[in-house]
mmCIF file of all heavy atoms, coordinates in Angstrom:
data_MODEL
# 
_entry.id   MODEL 
# 
loop_
_atom_site.group_PDB 
_atom_site.id 
_atom_site.type_symbol 
_atom_site.label_atom_id 
_atom_site.label_alt_id 
_atom_site.label_comp_id 
_atom_site.label_asym_id 
_atom_site.label_entity_id 
_atom_site.label_seq_id 
_atom_site.pdbx_PDB_ins_code 
_atom_site.Cartn_x 
_atom_site.Cartn_y 
_atom_site.Cartn_z 
_atom_site.occupancy 
_atom_site.B_iso_or_equiv 
_atom_site.pdbx_formal_charge 
_atom_site.auth_seq_id 
_atom_site.auth_comp_id 
_atom_site.auth_asym_id 
_atom_site.auth_atom_id 
_atom_site.pdbx_PDB_model_num 
ATOM 1   N N   . ALA A 1 1  ? 14.533 -24.375 34.902 1.00 0.00 ? 1  ALA A N   1 
ATOM 2   C CA  . ALA A 1 1  ? 15.602 -24.635 35.876 1.00 0.00 ? 1  ALA A CA  1 
ATOM 3   C C   . ALA A 1 1  ? 16.931 -24.073 35.396 1.00 0.00 ? 1  ALA A C   1 
ATOM 4   O O   . ALA A 1 1  ? 17.697 -23.485 36.184 1.00 0.00 ? 1  ALA A O   1 
ATOM 5   C CB  . ALA A 1 1  ? 15.718 -26.137 36.111 1.00 0.00 ? 1  ALA A CB  1 
ATOM 6   N N   . ALA A 1 2  ? 17.218 -24.229 34.108 1.00 0.00 ? 2  ALA A N   1 
ATOM 7   C CA  . ALA A 1 2  ? 18.474 -23.712 33.565 1.00 0.00 ? 2  ALA A CA  1 
ATOM 8   C C   . ALA A 1 2  ? 18.540 -22.196 33.679 1.00 0.00 ? 2  ALA A C   1 
ATOM 9   O O   . ALA A 1 2  ? 19.585 -21.633 34.031 1.00 0.00 ? 2  ALA A O   1 
ATOM 10  C CB  . ALA A 1 2  ? 18.621 -24.143 32.108 1.00 0.00 ? 2  ALA A CB  1 
ATOM 11  N N   . LEU A 1 3  ? 17.434 -21.528 33.385 1.00 0.00 ? 3  LEU A N   1 
ATOM 12  C CA  . LEU A 1 3  ? 17.411 -20.067 33.479 1.00 0.00 ? 3  LEU A CA  1 
ATOM 13  C C   . LEU A 1 3  ? 17.554 -19.599 34.926 1.00 0.00 ? 3  LEU A C   1 
ATOM 14  O O   . LEU A 1 3  ? 18.169 -18.568 35.199 1.00 0.00 ? 3  LEU A O   1 
ATOM 15  C CB  . LEU A 1 3  ? 16.110 -19.524 32.883 1.00 0.00 ? 3  LEU A CB  1 
ATOM 16  C CG  . LEU A 1 3  ? 15.948 -19.642 31.369 1.00 0.00 ? 3  LEU A CG  1 
ATOM 17  C CD1 . LEU A 1 3  ? 14.540 -19.228 30.953 1.00 0.00 ? 3  LEU A CD1 1 
ATOM 18  C CD2 . LEU A 1 3  ? 16.982 -18.796 30.633 1.00 0.00 ? 3  LEU A CD2 1 
ATOM 19  N N   . ALA A 1 4  ? 16.978 -20.338 35.839 1.00 0.00 ? 4  ALA A N   1 
ATOM 20  C CA  . ALA A 1 4  ? 17.016 -19.927 37.247 1.00 0.00 ? 4  ALA A CA  1 
ATOM 21  C C   . ALA A 1 4  ? 18.370 -20.193 37.898 1.00 0.00 ? 4  ALA A C   1 
ATOM 22  O O   . ALA A 1 4  ? 18.880 -19.355 38.653 1.00 0.00 ? 4  ALA A O   1 
ATOM 23  C CB  . ALA A 1 4  ? 15.912 -20.643 38.019 1.00 0.00 ? 4  ALA A CB  1 
ATOM 24  N N   . TYR A 1 5  ? 18.961 -21.360 37.617 1.00 0.00 ? 5  TYR A N   1 
ATOM 25  C CA  . TYR A 1 5  ? 20.165 -21.764 38.335 1.00 0.00 ? 5  TYR A CA  1 
ATOM 26  C C   . TYR A 1 5  ? 21.429 -21.763 37.482 1.00 0.00 ? 5  TYR A C   1 
ATOM 27  O O   . TYR A 1 5  ? 22.532 -21.797 38.017 1.00 0.00 ? 5  TYR A O   1 
ATOM 28  C CB  . TYR A 1 5  ? 19.955 -23.156 38.941 1.00 0.00 ? 5  TYR A CB  1 
ATOM 29  C CG  . TYR A 1 5  ? 18.882 -23.156 39.996 1.00 0.00 ? 5  TYR A CG  1 
ATOM 30  C CD1 . TYR A 1 5  ? 17.598 -23.614 39.706 1.00 0.00 ? 5  TYR A CD1 1 
ATOM 31  C CD2 . TYR A 1 5  ? 19.139 -22.669 41.278 1.00 0.00 ? 5  TYR A CD2 1 
ATOM 32  C CE1 . TYR A 1 5  ? 16.600 -23.601 40.678 1.00 0.00 ? 5  TYR A CE1 1 
ATOM 33  C CE2 . TYR A 1 5  ? 18.141 -22.649 42.246 1.00 0.00 ? 5  TYR A CE2 1 
ATOM 34  C CZ  . TYR A 1 5  ? 16.876 -23.118 41.934 1.00 0.00 ? 5  TYR A CZ  1 
ATOM 35  O OH  . TYR A 1 5  ? 15.893 -23.089 42.887 1.00 0.00 ? 5  TYR A OH  1 
ATOM 36  N N   . GLY A 1 6  ? 21.258 -21.742 36.155 1.00 0.00 ? 6  GLY A N   1 
ATOM 37  C CA  . GLY A 1 6  ? 22.404 -21.742 35.272 1.00 0.00 ? 6  GLY A CA  1 
ATOM 38  C C   . GLY A 1 6  ? 22.974 -23.136 35.056 1.00 0.00 ? 6  GLY A C   1 
ATOM 39  O O   . GLY A 1 6  ? 22.808 -24.044 35.880 1.00 0.00 ? 6  GLY A O   1 
ATOM 40  N N   . THR A 1 7  ? 23.636 -23.309 33.921 1.00 0.00 ? 7  THR A N   1 
ATOM 41  C CA  . THR A 1 7  ? 24.352 -24.559 33.613 1.00 0.00 ? 7  THR A CA  1 
ATOM 42  C C   . THR A 1 7  ? 25.699 -24.166 33.012 1.00 0.00 ? 7  THR A C   1 
ATOM 43  O O   . THR A 1 7  ? 26.031 -22.985 32.941 1.00 0.00 ? 7  THR A O   1 
ATOM 44  C CB  . THR A 1 7  ? 23.567 -25.424 32.597 1.00 0.00 ? 7  THR A CB  1 
ATOM 45  O OG1 . THR A 1 7  ? 23.624 -24.801 31.302 1.00 0.00 ? 7  THR A OG1 1 
ATOM 46  C CG2 . THR A 1 7  ? 22.126 -25.617 33.015 1.00 0.00 ? 7  THR A CG2 1 
ATOM 47  N N   . GLU A 1 8  ? 26.430 -25.153 32.509 1.00 0.00 ? 8  GLU A N   1 
ATOM 48  C CA  . GLU A 1 8  ? 27.713 -24.856 31.878 1.00 0.00 ? 8  GLU A CA  1 
ATOM 49  C C   . GLU A 1 8  ? 27.537 -23.944 30.657 1.00 0.00 ? 8  GLU A C   1 
ATOM 50  O O   . GLU A 1 8  ? 28.400 -23.114 30.347 1.00 0.00 ? 8  GLU A O   1 
ATOM 51  C CB  . GLU A 1 8  ? 28.416 -26.143 31.427 1.00 0.00 ? 8  GLU A CB  1 
ATOM 52  C CG  . GLU A 1 8  ? 28.743 -27.096 32.559 1.00 0.00 ? 8  GLU A CG  1 
ATOM 53  C CD  . GLU A 1 8  ? 27.642 -28.113 32.808 1.00 0.00 ? 8  GLU A CD  1 
ATOM 54  O OE1 . GLU A 1 8  ? 26.452 -27.774 32.609 1.00 0.00 ? 8  GLU A OE1 1 
ATOM 55  O OE2 . GLU A 1 8  ? 27.960 -29.239 33.196 1.00 0.00 ? 8  GLU A OE2 1 
ATOM 56  N N   . THR A 1 9  ? 26.418 -24.098 29.965 1.00 0.00 ? 9  THR A N   1 
ATOM 57  C CA  . THR A 1 9  ? 26.178 -23.331 28.734 1.00 0.00 ? 9  THR A CA  1 
ATOM 58  C C   . THR A 1 9  ? 25.279 -22.123 28.951 1.00 0.00 ? 9  THR A C   1 
ATOM 59  O O   . THR A 1 9  ? 25.503 -21.063 28.358 1.00 0.00 ? 9  THR A O   1 
ATOM 60  C CB  . THR A 1 9  ? 25.533 -24.248 27.668 1.00 0.00 ? 9  THR A CB  1 
ATOM 61  O OG1 . THR A 1 9  ? 26.417 -25.334 27.399 1.00 0.00 ? 9  THR A OG1 1 
ATOM 62  C CG2 . THR A 1 9  ? 25.262 -23.488 26.377 1.00 0.00 ? 9  THR A CG2 1 
ATOM 63  N N   . ILE A 1 10 ? 24.280 -22.284 29.792 1.00 0.00 ? 10 ILE A N   1 
ATOM 64  C CA  . ILE A 1 10 ? 23.278 -21.228 29.975 1.00 0.00 ? 10 ILE A CA  1 
ATOM 65  C C   . ILE A 1 10 ? 23.513 -20.506 31.294 1.00 0.00 ? 10 ILE A C   1 
ATOM 66  O O   . ILE A 1 10 ? 23.408 -21.102 32.370 1.00 0.00 ? 10 ILE A O   1 
ATOM 67  C CB  . ILE A 1 10 ? 21.851 -21.821 29.948 1.00 0.00 ? 10 ILE A CB  1 
ATOM 68  C CG1 . ILE A 1 10 ? 21.624 -22.596 28.655 1.00 0.00 ? 10 ILE A CG1 1 
ATOM 69  C CG2 . ILE A 1 10 ? 20.809 -20.712 30.107 1.00 0.00 ? 10 ILE A CG2 1 
ATOM 70  C CD1 . ILE A 1 10 ? 20.325 -23.379 28.614 1.00 0.00 ? 10 ILE A CD1 1 
ATOM 71  N N   . LYS A 1 11 ? 23.833 -19.246 31.199 1.00 0.00 ? 11 LYS A N   1 
ATOM 72  C CA  . LYS A 1 11 ? 24.046 -18.432 32.397 1.00 0.00 ? 11 LYS A CA  1 
ATOM 73  C C   . LYS A 1 11 ? 22.696 -18.031 32.989 1.00 0.00 ? 11 LYS A C   1 
ATOM 74  O O   . LYS A 1 11 ? 21.757 -17.704 32.260 1.00 0.00 ? 11 LYS A O   1 
ATOM 75  C CB  . LYS A 1 11 ? 24.866 -17.189 32.033 1.00 0.00 ? 11 LYS A CB  1 
ATOM 76  C CG  . LYS A 1 11 ? 25.282 -16.349 33.224 1.00 0.00 ? 11 LYS A CG  1 
ATOM 77  C CD  . LYS A 1 11 ? 26.104 -15.143 32.766 1.00 0.00 ? 11 LYS A CD  1 
ATOM 78  C CE  . LYS A 1 11 ? 26.458 -14.238 33.940 1.00 0.00 ? 11 LYS A CE  1 
ATOM 79  N NZ  . LYS A 1 11 ? 27.201 -13.035 33.492 1.00 0.00 ? 11 LYS A NZ  1 
ATOM 80  N N   . ALA A 1 12 ? 22.602 -18.042 34.309 1.00 0.00 ? 12 ALA A N   1 
ATOM 81  C CA  . ALA A 1 12 ? 21.345 -17.734 34.982 1.00 0.00 ? 12 ALA A CA  1 
ATOM 82  C C   . ALA A 1 12 ? 20.889 -16.307 34.698 1.00 0.00 ? 12 ALA A C   1 
ATOM 83  O O   . ALA A 1 12 ? 21.687 -15.420 34.395 1.00 0.00 ? 12 ALA A O   1 
ATOM 84  C CB  . ALA A 1 12 ? 21.493 -17.949 36.487 1.00 0.00 ? 12 ALA A CB  1 
ATOM 85  N N   . VAL A 1 13 ? 19.574 -16.091 34.814 1.00 0.00 ? 13 VAL A N   1 
ATOM 86  C CA  . VAL A 1 13 ? 18.973 -14.772 34.601 1.00 0.00 ? 13 VAL A CA  1 
ATOM 87  C C   . VAL A 1 13 ? 18.345 -14.281 35.898 1.00 0.00 ? 13 VAL A C   1 
ATOM 88  O O   . VAL A 1 13 ? 18.360 -14.969 36.922 1.00 0.00 ? 13 VAL A O   1 
ATOM 89  C CB  . VAL A 1 13 ? 17.921 -14.831 33.473 1.00 0.00 ? 13 VAL A CB  1 
ATOM 90  C CG1 . VAL A 1 13 ? 18.554 -15.273 32.161 1.00 0.00 ? 13 VAL A CG1 1 
ATOM 91  C CG2 . VAL A 1 13 ? 16.752 -15.736 33.857 1.00 0.00 ? 13 VAL A CG2 1 
ATOM 92  N N   . ASP A 1 14 ? 17.774 -13.089 35.841 1.00 0.00 ? 14 ASP A N   1 
ATOM 93  C CA  . ASP A 1 14 ? 17.144 -12.503 37.024 1.00 0.00 ? 14 ASP A CA  1 
ATOM 94  C C   . ASP A 1 14 ? 15.625 -12.648 37.023 1.00 0.00 ? 14 ASP A C   1 
ATOM 95  O O   . ASP A 1 14 ? 14.995 -12.614 38.080 1.00 0.00 ? 14 ASP A O   1 
ATOM 96  C CB  . ASP A 1 14 ? 17.483 -11.012 37.118 1.00 0.00 ? 14 ASP A CB  1 
ATOM 97  C CG  . ASP A 1 14 ? 18.973 -10.777 37.217 1.00 0.00 ? 14 ASP A CG  1 
ATOM 98  O OD1 . ASP A 1 14 ? 19.610 -11.433 38.065 1.00 0.00 ? 14 ASP A OD1 1 
ATOM 99  O OD2 . ASP A 1 14 ? 19.513 -9.964  36.442 1.00 0.00 ? 14 ASP A OD2 1 
ATOM 100 N N   . LYS A 1 15 ? 15.057 -12.813 35.826 1.00 0.00 ? 15 LYS A N   1 
ATOM 101 C CA  . LYS A 1 15 ? 13.593 -12.929 35.730 1.00 0.00 ? 15 LYS A CA  1 
ATOM 102 C C   . LYS A 1 15 ? 13.243 -13.804 34.535 1.00 0.00 ? 15 LYS A C   1 
ATOM 103 O O   . LYS A 1 15 ? 13.939 -13.792 33.516 1.00 0.00 ? 15 LYS A O   1 
ATOM 104 C CB  . LYS A 1 15 ? 12.943 -11.549 35.572 1.00 0.00 ? 15 LYS A CB  1 
ATOM 105 C CG  . LYS A 1 15 ? 11.413 -11.583 35.602 1.00 0.00 ? 15 LYS A CG  1 
ATOM 106 C CD  . LYS A 1 15 ? 10.819 -10.195 35.740 1.00 0.00 ? 15 LYS A CD  1 
ATOM 107 C CE  . LYS A 1 15 ? 9.311  -10.278 35.935 1.00 0.00 ? 15 LYS A CE  1 
ATOM 108 N NZ  . LYS A 1 15 ? 8.699  -8.951  36.200 1.00 0.00 ? 15 LYS A NZ  1 
ATOM 109 N N   . ILE A 1 16 ? 12.148 -14.553 34.674 1.00 0.00 ? 16 ILE A N   1 
ATOM 110 C CA  . ILE A 1 16 ? 11.659 -15.410 33.597 1.00 0.00 ? 16 ILE A CA  1 
ATOM 111 C C   . ILE A 1 16 ? 10.240 -14.985 33.231 1.00 0.00 ? 16 ILE A C   1 
ATOM 112 O O   . ILE A 1 16 ? 9.386  -14.849 34.112 1.00 0.00 ? 16 ILE A O   1 
ATOM 113 C CB  . ILE A 1 16 ? 11.670 -16.895 34.015 1.00 0.00 ? 16 ILE A CB  1 
ATOM 114 C CG1 . ILE A 1 16 ? 13.076 -17.335 34.429 1.00 0.00 ? 16 ILE A CG1 1 
ATOM 115 C CG2 . ILE A 1 16 ? 11.138 -17.775 32.889 1.00 0.00 ? 16 ILE A CG2 1 
ATOM 116 C CD1 . ILE A 1 16 ? 13.125 -18.718 35.060 1.00 0.00 ? 16 ILE A CD1 1 
ATOM 117 N N   . THR A 1 17 ? 10.002 -14.784 31.944 1.00 0.00 ? 17 THR A N   1 
ATOM 118 C CA  . THR A 1 17 ? 8.665  -14.436 31.479 1.00 0.00 ? 17 THR A CA  1 
ATOM 119 C C   . THR A 1 17 ? 8.275  -15.367 30.333 1.00 0.00 ? 17 THR A C   1 
ATOM 120 O O   . THR A 1 17 ? 9.108  -16.053 29.762 1.00 0.00 ? 17 THR A O   1 
ATOM 121 C CB  . THR A 1 17 ? 8.571  -12.979 30.987 1.00 0.00 ? 17 THR A CB  1 
ATOM 122 O OG1 . THR A 1 17 ? 9.252  -12.860 29.723 1.00 0.00 ? 17 THR A OG1 1 
ATOM 123 C CG2 . THR A 1 17 ? 9.190  -12.009 31.974 1.00 0.00 ? 17 THR A CG2 1 
ATOM 124 N N   . GLY A 1 18 ? 7.000  -15.359 30.009 1.00 0.00 ? 18 GLY A N   1 
ATOM 125 C CA  . GLY A 1 18 ? 6.520  -16.122 28.871 1.00 0.00 ? 18 GLY A CA  1 
ATOM 126 C C   . GLY A 1 18 ? 5.628  -17.283 29.283 1.00 0.00 ? 18 GLY A C   1 
ATOM 127 O O   . GLY A 1 18 ? 5.787  -17.861 30.360 1.00 0.00 ? 18 GLY A O   1 
ATOM 128 N N   . PRO A 1 19 ? 4.667  -17.637 28.423 1.00 0.00 ? 19 PRO A N   1 
ATOM 129 C CA  . PRO A 1 19 ? 3.713  -18.706 28.720 1.00 0.00 ? 19 PRO A CA  1 
ATOM 130 C C   . PRO A 1 19 ? 4.291  -20.077 28.438 1.00 0.00 ? 19 PRO A C   1 
ATOM 131 O O   . PRO A 1 19 ? 5.300  -20.229 27.756 1.00 0.00 ? 19 PRO A O   1 
ATOM 132 C CB  . PRO A 1 19 ? 2.565  -18.398 27.749 1.00 0.00 ? 19 PRO A CB  1 
ATOM 133 C CG  . PRO A 1 19 ? 3.269  -17.797 26.557 1.00 0.00 ? 19 PRO A CG  1 
ATOM 134 C CD  . PRO A 1 19 ? 4.413  -16.999 27.121 1.00 0.00 ? 19 PRO A CD  1 
ATOM 135 N N   . GLY A 1 20 ? 3.630  -21.106 28.971 1.00 0.00 ? 20 GLY A N   1 
ATOM 136 C CA  . GLY A 1 20 ? 4.046  -22.478 28.712 1.00 0.00 ? 20 GLY A CA  1 
ATOM 137 C C   . GLY A 1 20 ? 2.993  -23.442 29.214 1.00 0.00 ? 20 GLY A C   1 
ATOM 138 O O   . GLY A 1 20 ? 1.952  -23.029 29.743 1.00 0.00 ? 20 GLY A O   1 
ATOM 139 N N   . ASN A 1 21 ? 3.262  -24.739 29.100 1.00 0.00 ? 21 ASN A N   1 
ATOM 140 C CA  . ASN A 1 21 ? 2.303  -25.737 29.556 1.00 0.00 ? 21 ASN A CA  1 
ATOM 141 C C   . ASN A 1 21 ? 2.342  -25.870 31.078 1.00 0.00 ? 21 ASN A C   1 
ATOM 142 O O   . ASN A 1 21 ? 3.006  -25.097 31.768 1.00 0.00 ? 21 ASN A O   1 
ATOM 143 C CB  . ASN A 1 21 ? 2.567  -27.081 28.862 1.00 0.00 ? 21 ASN A CB  1 
ATOM 144 C CG  . ASN A 1 21 ? 3.957  -27.631 29.173 1.00 0.00 ? 21 ASN A CG  1 
ATOM 145 O OD1 . ASN A 1 21 ? 4.606  -27.235 30.143 1.00 0.00 ? 21 ASN A OD1 1 
ATOM 146 N ND2 . ASN A 1 21 ? 4.424  -28.549 28.342 1.00 0.00 ? 21 ASN A ND2 1 
ATOM 147 N N   . SER A 1 22 ? 1.640  -26.874 31.588 1.00 0.00 ? 22 SER A N   1 
ATOM 148 C CA  . SER A 1 22 ? 1.554  -27.030 33.052 1.00 0.00 ? 22 SER A CA  1 
ATOM 149 C C   . SER A 1 22 ? 2.916  -27.264 33.687 1.00 0.00 ? 22 SER A C   1 
ATOM 150 O O   . SER A 1 22 ? 3.190  -26.788 34.797 1.00 0.00 ? 22 SER A O   1 
ATOM 151 C CB  . SER A 1 22 ? 0.618  -28.183 33.397 1.00 0.00 ? 22 SER A CB  1 
ATOM 152 O OG  . SER A 1 22 ? -0.702 -27.901 32.998 1.00 0.00 ? 22 SER A OG  1 
ATOM 153 N N   . PHE A 1 23 ? 3.801  -28.011 33.011 1.00 0.00 ? 23 PHE A N   1 
ATOM 154 C CA  . PHE A 1 23 ? 5.145  -28.251 33.549 1.00 0.00 ? 23 PHE A CA  1 
ATOM 155 C C   . PHE A 1 23 ? 5.919  -26.937 33.672 1.00 0.00 ? 23 PHE A C   1 
ATOM 156 O O   . PHE A 1 23 ? 6.611  -26.693 34.655 1.00 0.00 ? 23 PHE A O   1 
ATOM 157 C CB  . PHE A 1 23 ? 5.910  -29.214 32.636 1.00 0.00 ? 23 PHE A CB  1 
ATOM 158 C CG  . PHE A 1 23 ? 5.423  -30.637 32.710 1.00 0.00 ? 23 PHE A CG  1 
ATOM 159 C CD1 . PHE A 1 23 ? 4.602  -31.152 31.732 1.00 0.00 ? 23 PHE A CD1 1 
ATOM 160 C CD2 . PHE A 1 23 ? 5.777  -31.441 33.782 1.00 0.00 ? 23 PHE A CD2 1 
ATOM 161 C CE1 . PHE A 1 23 ? 4.149  -32.465 31.794 1.00 0.00 ? 23 PHE A CE1 1 
ATOM 162 C CE2 . PHE A 1 23 ? 5.339  -32.751 33.865 1.00 0.00 ? 23 PHE A CE2 1 
ATOM 163 C CZ  . PHE A 1 23 ? 4.519  -33.268 32.865 1.00 0.00 ? 23 PHE A CZ  1 
ATOM 164 N N   . VAL A 1 24 ? 5.791  -26.094 32.655 1.00 0.00 ? 24 VAL A N   1 
ATOM 165 C CA  . VAL A 1 24 ? 6.479  -24.802 32.668 1.00 0.00 ? 24 VAL A CA  1 
ATOM 166 C C   . VAL A 1 24 ? 5.921  -23.904 33.765 1.00 0.00 ? 24 VAL A C   1 
ATOM 167 O O   . VAL A 1 24 ? 6.666  -23.270 34.521 1.00 0.00 ? 24 VAL A O   1 
ATOM 168 C CB  . VAL A 1 24 ? 6.368  -24.127 31.289 1.00 0.00 ? 24 VAL A CB  1 
ATOM 169 C CG1 . VAL A 1 24 ? 6.876  -22.685 31.342 1.00 0.00 ? 24 VAL A CG1 1 
ATOM 170 C CG2 . VAL A 1 24 ? 7.131  -24.920 30.238 1.00 0.00 ? 24 VAL A CG2 1 
ATOM 171 N N   . ALA A 1 25 ? 4.590  -23.853 33.869 1.00 0.00 ? 25 ALA A N   1 
ATOM 172 C CA  . ALA A 1 25 ? 3.961  -23.005 34.885 1.00 0.00 ? 25 ALA A CA  1 
ATOM 173 C C   . ALA A 1 25 ? 4.361  -23.445 36.291 1.00 0.00 ? 25 ALA A C   1 
ATOM 174 O O   . ALA A 1 25 ? 4.683  -22.613 37.156 1.00 0.00 ? 25 ALA A O   1 
ATOM 175 C CB  . ALA A 1 25 ? 2.442  -23.046 34.726 1.00 0.00 ? 25 ALA A CB  1 
ATOM 176 N N   . LEU A 1 26 ? 4.357  -24.751 36.529 1.00 0.00 ? 26 LEU A N   1 
ATOM 177 C CA  . LEU A 1 26 ? 4.738  -25.251 37.845 1.00 0.00 ? 26 LEU A CA  1 
ATOM 178 C C   . LEU A 1 26 ? 6.208  -25.000 38.136 1.00 0.00 ? 26 LEU A C   1 
ATOM 179 O O   . LEU A 1 26 ? 6.583  -24.678 39.269 1.00 0.00 ? 26 LEU A O   1 
ATOM 180 C CB  . LEU A 1 26 ? 4.434  -26.745 37.946 1.00 0.00 ? 26 LEU A CB  1 
ATOM 181 C CG  . LEU A 1 26 ? 2.960  -27.111 38.091 1.00 0.00 ? 26 LEU A CG  1 
ATOM 182 C CD1 . LEU A 1 26 ? 2.767  -28.611 37.922 1.00 0.00 ? 26 LEU A CD1 1 
ATOM 183 C CD2 . LEU A 1 26 ? 2.414  -26.658 39.432 1.00 0.00 ? 26 LEU A CD2 1 
ATOM 184 N N   . ALA A 1 27 ? 7.051  -25.144 37.118 1.00 0.00 ? 27 ALA A N   1 
ATOM 185 C CA  . ALA A 1 27 ? 8.480  -24.886 37.310 1.00 0.00 ? 27 ALA A CA  1 
ATOM 186 C C   . ALA A 1 27 ? 8.722  -23.419 37.645 1.00 0.00 ? 27 ALA A C   1 
ATOM 187 O O   . ALA A 1 27 ? 9.561  -23.097 38.499 1.00 0.00 ? 27 ALA A O   1 
ATOM 188 C CB  . ALA A 1 27 ? 9.253  -25.289 36.058 1.00 0.00 ? 27 ALA A CB  1 
ATOM 189 N N   . LYS A 1 28 ? 8.009  -22.522 36.975 1.00 0.00 ? 28 LYS A N   1 
ATOM 190 C CA  . LYS A 1 28 ? 8.144  -21.097 37.290 1.00 0.00 ? 28 LYS A CA  1 
ATOM 191 C C   . LYS A 1 28 ? 7.756  -20.833 38.739 1.00 0.00 ? 28 LYS A C   1 
ATOM 192 O O   . LYS A 1 28 ? 8.412  -20.055 39.440 1.00 0.00 ? 28 LYS A O   1 
ATOM 193 C CB  . LYS A 1 28 ? 7.289  -20.262 36.334 1.00 0.00 ? 28 LYS A CB  1 
ATOM 194 C CG  . LYS A 1 28 ? 7.861  -20.159 34.928 1.00 0.00 ? 28 LYS A CG  1 
ATOM 195 C CD  . LYS A 1 28 ? 6.892  -19.527 33.956 1.00 0.00 ? 28 LYS A CD  1 
ATOM 196 C CE  . LYS A 1 28 ? 6.682  -18.059 34.188 1.00 0.00 ? 28 LYS A CE  1 
ATOM 197 N NZ  . LYS A 1 28 ? 5.805  -17.455 33.154 1.00 0.00 ? 28 LYS A NZ  1 
ATOM 198 N N   . ARG A 1 29 ? 6.708  -21.481 39.179 1.00 0.00 ? 29 ARG A N   1 
ATOM 199 C CA  . ARG A 1 29 ? 6.277  -21.310 40.567 1.00 0.00 ? 29 ARG A CA  1 
ATOM 200 C C   . ARG A 1 29 ? 7.341  -21.826 41.532 1.00 0.00 ? 29 ARG A C   1 
ATOM 201 O O   . ARG A 1 29 ? 7.604  -21.223 42.579 1.00 0.00 ? 29 ARG A O   1 
ATOM 202 C CB  . ARG A 1 29 ? 4.954  -22.044 40.790 1.00 0.00 ? 29 ARG A CB  1 
ATOM 203 C CG  . ARG A 1 29 ? 4.383  -21.880 42.182 1.00 0.00 ? 29 ARG A CG  1 
ATOM 204 C CD  . ARG A 1 29 ? 3.090  -22.658 42.329 1.00 0.00 ? 29 ARG A CD  1 
ATOM 205 N NE  . ARG A 1 29 ? 2.028  -22.094 41.516 1.00 0.00 ? 29 ARG A NE  1 
ATOM 206 C CZ  . ARG A 1 29 ? 0.834  -22.670 41.362 1.00 0.00 ? 29 ARG A CZ  1 
ATOM 207 N NH1 . ARG A 1 29 ? 0.581  -23.831 41.942 1.00 0.00 ? 29 ARG A NH1 1 
ATOM 208 N NH2 . ARG A 1 29 ? -0.082 -22.088 40.624 1.00 0.00 ? 29 ARG A NH2 1 
ATOM 209 N N   . GLU A 1 30 ? 7.978  -22.955 41.184 1.00 0.00 ? 30 GLU A N   1 
ATOM 210 C CA  . GLU A 1 30 ? 8.986  -23.556 42.053 1.00 0.00 ? 30 GLU A CA  1 
ATOM 211 C C   . GLU A 1 30 ? 10.242 -22.696 42.181 1.00 0.00 ? 30 GLU A C   1 
ATOM 212 O O   . GLU A 1 30 ? 10.857 -22.647 43.241 1.00 0.00 ? 30 GLU A O   1 
ATOM 213 C CB  . GLU A 1 30 ? 9.365  -24.942 41.525 1.00 0.00 ? 30 GLU A CB  1 
ATOM 214 C CG  . GLU A 1 30 ? 8.325  -26.010 41.769 1.00 0.00 ? 30 GLU A CG  1 
ATOM 215 C CD  . GLU A 1 30 ? 8.118  -26.292 43.247 1.00 0.00 ? 30 GLU A CD  1 
ATOM 216 O OE1 . GLU A 1 30 ? 9.085  -26.694 43.919 1.00 0.00 ? 30 GLU A OE1 1 
ATOM 217 O OE2 . GLU A 1 30 ? 6.987  -26.091 43.735 1.00 0.00 ? 30 GLU A OE2 1 
ATOM 218 N N   . VAL A 1 31 ? 10.645 -22.019 41.094 1.00 0.00 ? 31 VAL A N   1 
ATOM 219 C CA  . VAL A 1 31 ? 11.899 -21.242 41.143 1.00 0.00 ? 31 VAL A CA  1 
ATOM 220 C C   . VAL A 1 31 ? 11.664 -19.797 41.565 1.00 0.00 ? 31 VAL A C   1 
ATOM 221 O O   . VAL A 1 31 ? 12.624 -19.039 41.732 1.00 0.00 ? 31 VAL A O   1 
ATOM 222 C CB  . VAL A 1 31 ? 12.638 -21.274 39.786 1.00 0.00 ? 31 VAL A CB  1 
ATOM 223 C CG1 . VAL A 1 31 ? 12.960 -22.700 39.383 1.00 0.00 ? 31 VAL A CG1 1 
ATOM 224 C CG2 . VAL A 1 31 ? 11.841 -20.560 38.686 1.00 0.00 ? 31 VAL A CG2 1 
ATOM 225 N N   . PHE A 1 32 ? 10.402 -19.404 41.735 1.00 0.00 ? 32 PHE A N   1 
ATOM 226 C CA  . PHE A 1 32 ? 10.118 -18.037 42.171 1.00 0.00 ? 32 PHE A CA  1 
ATOM 227 C C   . PHE A 1 32 ? 10.744 -17.789 43.539 1.00 0.00 ? 32 PHE A C   1 
ATOM 228 O O   . PHE A 1 32 ? 10.593 -18.565 44.466 1.00 0.00 ? 32 PHE A O   1 
ATOM 229 C CB  . PHE A 1 32 ? 8.614  -17.804 42.251 1.00 0.00 ? 32 PHE A CB  1 
ATOM 230 C CG  . PHE A 1 32 ? 8.246  -16.445 42.781 1.00 0.00 ? 32 PHE A CG  1 
ATOM 231 C CD1 . PHE A 1 32 ? 8.573  -15.309 42.069 1.00 0.00 ? 32 PHE A CD1 1 
ATOM 232 C CD2 . PHE A 1 32 ? 7.595  -16.300 43.988 1.00 0.00 ? 32 PHE A CD2 1 
ATOM 233 C CE1 . PHE A 1 32 ? 8.243  -14.061 42.553 1.00 0.00 ? 32 PHE A CE1 1 
ATOM 234 C CE2 . PHE A 1 32 ? 7.264  -15.059 44.484 1.00 0.00 ? 32 PHE A CE2 1 
ATOM 235 C CZ  . PHE A 1 32 ? 7.589  -13.927 43.756 1.00 0.00 ? 32 PHE A CZ  1 
# 
């Protein structure tokens, strides 16, 4: 979520890559 939408510290990006657990996979699907 931080990579997709940004926070005060983390500026948003244009693409997210890399493996993760089920929570990570589902989150990637949600922000696609």
